[in-house]
Amino acid sequence: MVCIVCIKHINSYKQREGVSMKIIIANQSDQPLYQQIKEQIKDAIFCSELKEGEILPSIRALANDLRVSVLTTRRVYDELQLEGFIITKVGKGSFVASENLELLQESKRHMVEVKLSDVWKTARTLKISKSELYSMMDLLFEEEDEE
C-alpha cells in the first residue's frame, strides 16, 4: 500500500510562491519512513522544486501532515542539516540552504553509485556477466540518444 500525502503546510507557502511538492510514503517499503521523507525532500531540492532560502514546514507541522512521529521529522531535518541541505534558525524555522554545487554534485554521484551497486548485485545474483551488463547499458544509452 502506498500512502500519498501532500504537505499542506508547504502547499500553503507555495500557493503564495506558486510551487507545490508531494511526499509519498510507502508503508510496506523496506526503506524507513525518515529515509523516504528525507530522500524526497533532497530530490525536491535537486530538482529546484524547493529553492534556496525557501522555508520548510516546522517539524511538528510536517509530522502532523504526514501522520508520523515528531521524532521522525526531527531526524529528517537533523540529517538534512548535517548534510548541508537545510539550515535552521532558532525561532525562525528551517530553510533550504544556499546551493553548494560541489555538495549537490557529490550527493548526486553518490545516489547513482548506490543504485549502480544495487544493479551490479542484482546482475551477479541473476548470473549476468559484466559484458552483458555493459551491453544493456549501451542499449539504454542508444535508446536515449534516439529520443
Protein backbone atom coordinates (compact mmCIF):
# COMPACT_ATOMS: atom_id res chain seq x y z
CA MET A 1 0.00 0.00 0.00
CA VAL A 2 1.28 3.45 -0.92
CA CYS A 3 0.09 6.47 1.01
CA ILE A 4 0.27 9.74 -0.93
CA VAL A 5 0.36 12.76 1.34
CA CYS A 6 0.54 16.34 0.14
CA ILE A 7 2.33 18.53 2.60
CA LYS A 8 -0.39 21.04 3.39
CA HIS A 9 1.98 23.38 5.22
CA ILE A 10 4.38 23.51 2.28
CA ASN A 11 1.44 23.92 -0.09
CA SER A 12 0.22 26.93 1.90
CA TYR A 13 3.62 28.56 1.46
CA LYS A 14 3.78 27.50 -2.17
CA GLN A 15 0.40 28.95 -3.02
CA ARG A 16 1.89 32.33 -2.29
CA GLU A 17 5.02 31.44 -4.27
CA GLY A 18 3.38 29.28 -6.96
CA VAL A 19 5.13 25.95 -6.21
CA SER A 20 3.96 22.67 -4.68
CA MET A 21 5.56 19.43 -3.51
CA LYS A 22 4.31 15.95 -2.64
CA ILE A 23 5.80 13.39 -0.31
CA ILE A 24 4.85 9.79 -0.96
CA ILE A 25 5.17 7.33 1.90
CA ALA A 26 5.15 3.63 1.08
CA ASN A 27 4.17 1.86 4.29
CA GLN A 28 5.37 -1.51 3.01
CA SER A 29 8.73 -0.24 1.79
CA ASP A 30 11.96 -1.71 3.14
CA GLN A 31 13.21 1.87 3.45
CA PRO A 32 12.49 3.51 6.83
CA LEU A 33 9.95 6.36 6.88
CA TYR A 34 12.53 9.02 7.78
CA GLN A 35 14.68 7.92 4.82
CA GLN A 36 11.74 8.08 2.40
CA ILE A 37 10.87 11.60 3.57
CA LYS A 38 14.49 12.79 3.57
CA GLU A 39 15.20 11.48 0.07
CA GLN A 40 12.09 13.13 -1.35
CA ILE A 41 12.97 16.49 0.20
CA LYS A 42 16.51 16.16 -1.20
CA ASP A 43 15.07 15.30 -4.63
CA ALA A 44 12.85 18.41 -4.42
CA ILE A 45 15.96 20.49 -3.70
CA PHE A 46 17.91 18.82 -6.55
CA CYS A 47 15.06 19.46 -8.99
CA SER A 48 14.63 23.05 -7.74
CA GLU A 49 11.07 22.40 -6.55
CA LEU A 50 12.38 23.81 -3.28
CA LYS A 51 14.54 26.84 -3.85
CA GLU A 52 17.38 28.36 -1.89
CA GLY A 53 16.12 30.24 1.18
CA GLU A 54 12.64 28.73 0.98
CA ILE A 55 11.09 27.99 4.35
CA LEU A 56 10.12 24.43 5.24
CA PRO A 57 7.23 23.49 7.50
CA SER A 58 8.01 23.18 11.19
CA ILE A 59 8.99 19.74 12.44
CA ARG A 60 5.64 19.44 14.21
CA ALA A 61 3.59 20.61 11.21
CA LEU A 62 5.37 18.18 8.89
CA ALA A 63 4.80 15.33 11.36
CA ASN A 64 1.09 16.19 11.59
CA ASP A 65 0.67 16.47 7.81
CA LEU A 66 2.43 13.16 7.18
CA ARG A 67 0.88 11.47 10.23
CA VAL A 68 4.28 10.37 11.54
CA SER A 69 6.09 10.91 14.82
CA VAL A 70 7.71 14.25 15.56
CA LEU A 71 10.87 12.23 16.26
CA THR A 72 10.79 11.01 12.66
CA THR A 73 10.61 14.50 11.18
CA ARG A 74 13.20 15.79 13.65
CA ARG A 75 15.58 13.08 12.43
CA VAL A 76 14.88 14.06 8.80
CA TYR A 77 15.65 17.73 9.47
CA ASP A 78 18.71 16.92 11.61
CA GLU A 79 20.18 14.73 8.86
CA LEU A 80 19.35 17.22 6.11
CA GLN A 81 21.08 19.92 8.14
CA LEU A 82 24.15 17.72 8.77
CA GLU A 83 24.33 17.02 5.03
CA GLY A 84 24.13 20.75 4.27
CA PHE A 85 20.76 20.78 2.51
CA ILE A 86 18.91 22.92 5.05
CA ILE A 87 19.73 25.41 7.77
CA THR A 88 17.73 26.00 10.93
CA LYS A 89 17.46 29.39 12.59
CA VAL A 90 16.23 29.32 16.17
CA GLY A 91 12.83 30.95 16.40
CA LYS A 92 12.55 31.37 12.62
CA GLY A 93 12.41 27.84 11.21
CA SER A 94 14.22 25.64 8.72
CA PHE A 95 15.19 26.86 5.27
CA VAL A 96 16.70 25.37 2.12
CA ALA A 97 20.42 26.11 2.35
CA SER A 98 22.29 28.16 -0.21
CA GLU A 99 23.26 25.97 -3.11
CA ASN A 100 26.59 24.34 -2.64
CA LEU A 101 27.20 22.95 -6.13
CA GLU A 102 30.02 20.65 -5.04
CA LEU A 103 27.88 19.18 -2.25
CA LEU A 104 24.94 18.68 -4.60
CA GLN A 105 27.10 17.09 -7.29
CA GLU A 106 28.76 14.74 -4.79
CA SER A 107 25.39 13.78 -3.36
CA LYS A 108 24.02 13.10 -6.86
CA ARG A 109 27.07 10.99 -7.72
CA HIS A 110 26.64 9.04 -4.50
CA MET A 111 22.98 8.35 -5.31
CA VAL A 112 23.97 6.99 -8.73
CA GLU A 113 26.78 4.89 -7.22
CA VAL A 114 24.37 3.33 -4.74
CA LYS A 115 21.88 2.48 -7.49
CA LEU A 116 24.62 1.09 -9.74
CA SER A 117 25.90 -1.02 -6.87
CA ASP A 118 22.40 -2.44 -6.41
CA VAL A 119 22.15 -3.14 -10.15
CA TRP A 120 25.50 -4.94 -10.11
CA LYS A 121 24.48 -7.06 -7.10
CA THR A 122 21.23 -7.98 -8.83
CA ALA A 123 23.07 -8.80 -12.06
CA ARG A 124 25.51 -11.11 -10.24
CA THR A 125 22.60 -12.83 -8.47
CA LEU A 126 20.97 -13.40 -11.86
CA LYS A 127 24.28 -14.62 -13.35
CA ILE A 128 24.51 -11.69 -15.77
CA SER A 129 28.10 -11.05 -16.80
CA LYS A 130 29.85 -7.68 -16.88
CA SER A 131 29.86 -7.69 -20.68
CA GLU A 132 26.10 -8.41 -20.75
CA LEU A 133 25.50 -5.62 -18.28
CA TYR A 134 27.65 -3.23 -20.34
CA SER A 135 25.66 -4.21 -23.44
CA MET A 136 22.41 -3.49 -21.61
CA MET A 137 23.71 -0.07 -20.56
CA ASP A 138 24.89 0.69 -24.11
CA LEU A 139 21.45 -0.19 -25.40
CA LEU A 140 19.83 2.16 -22.86
CA PHE A 141 22.19 4.96 -23.89
CA GLU A 142 21.47 4.36 -27.59
CA GLU A 143 17.72 4.49 -26.96
CA GLU A 144 18.13 7.77 -25.10
CA ASP A 145 20.25 9.23 -27.91
CA GLU A 146 17.49 8.40 -30.40
CA GLU A 147 14.90 10.41 -28.42
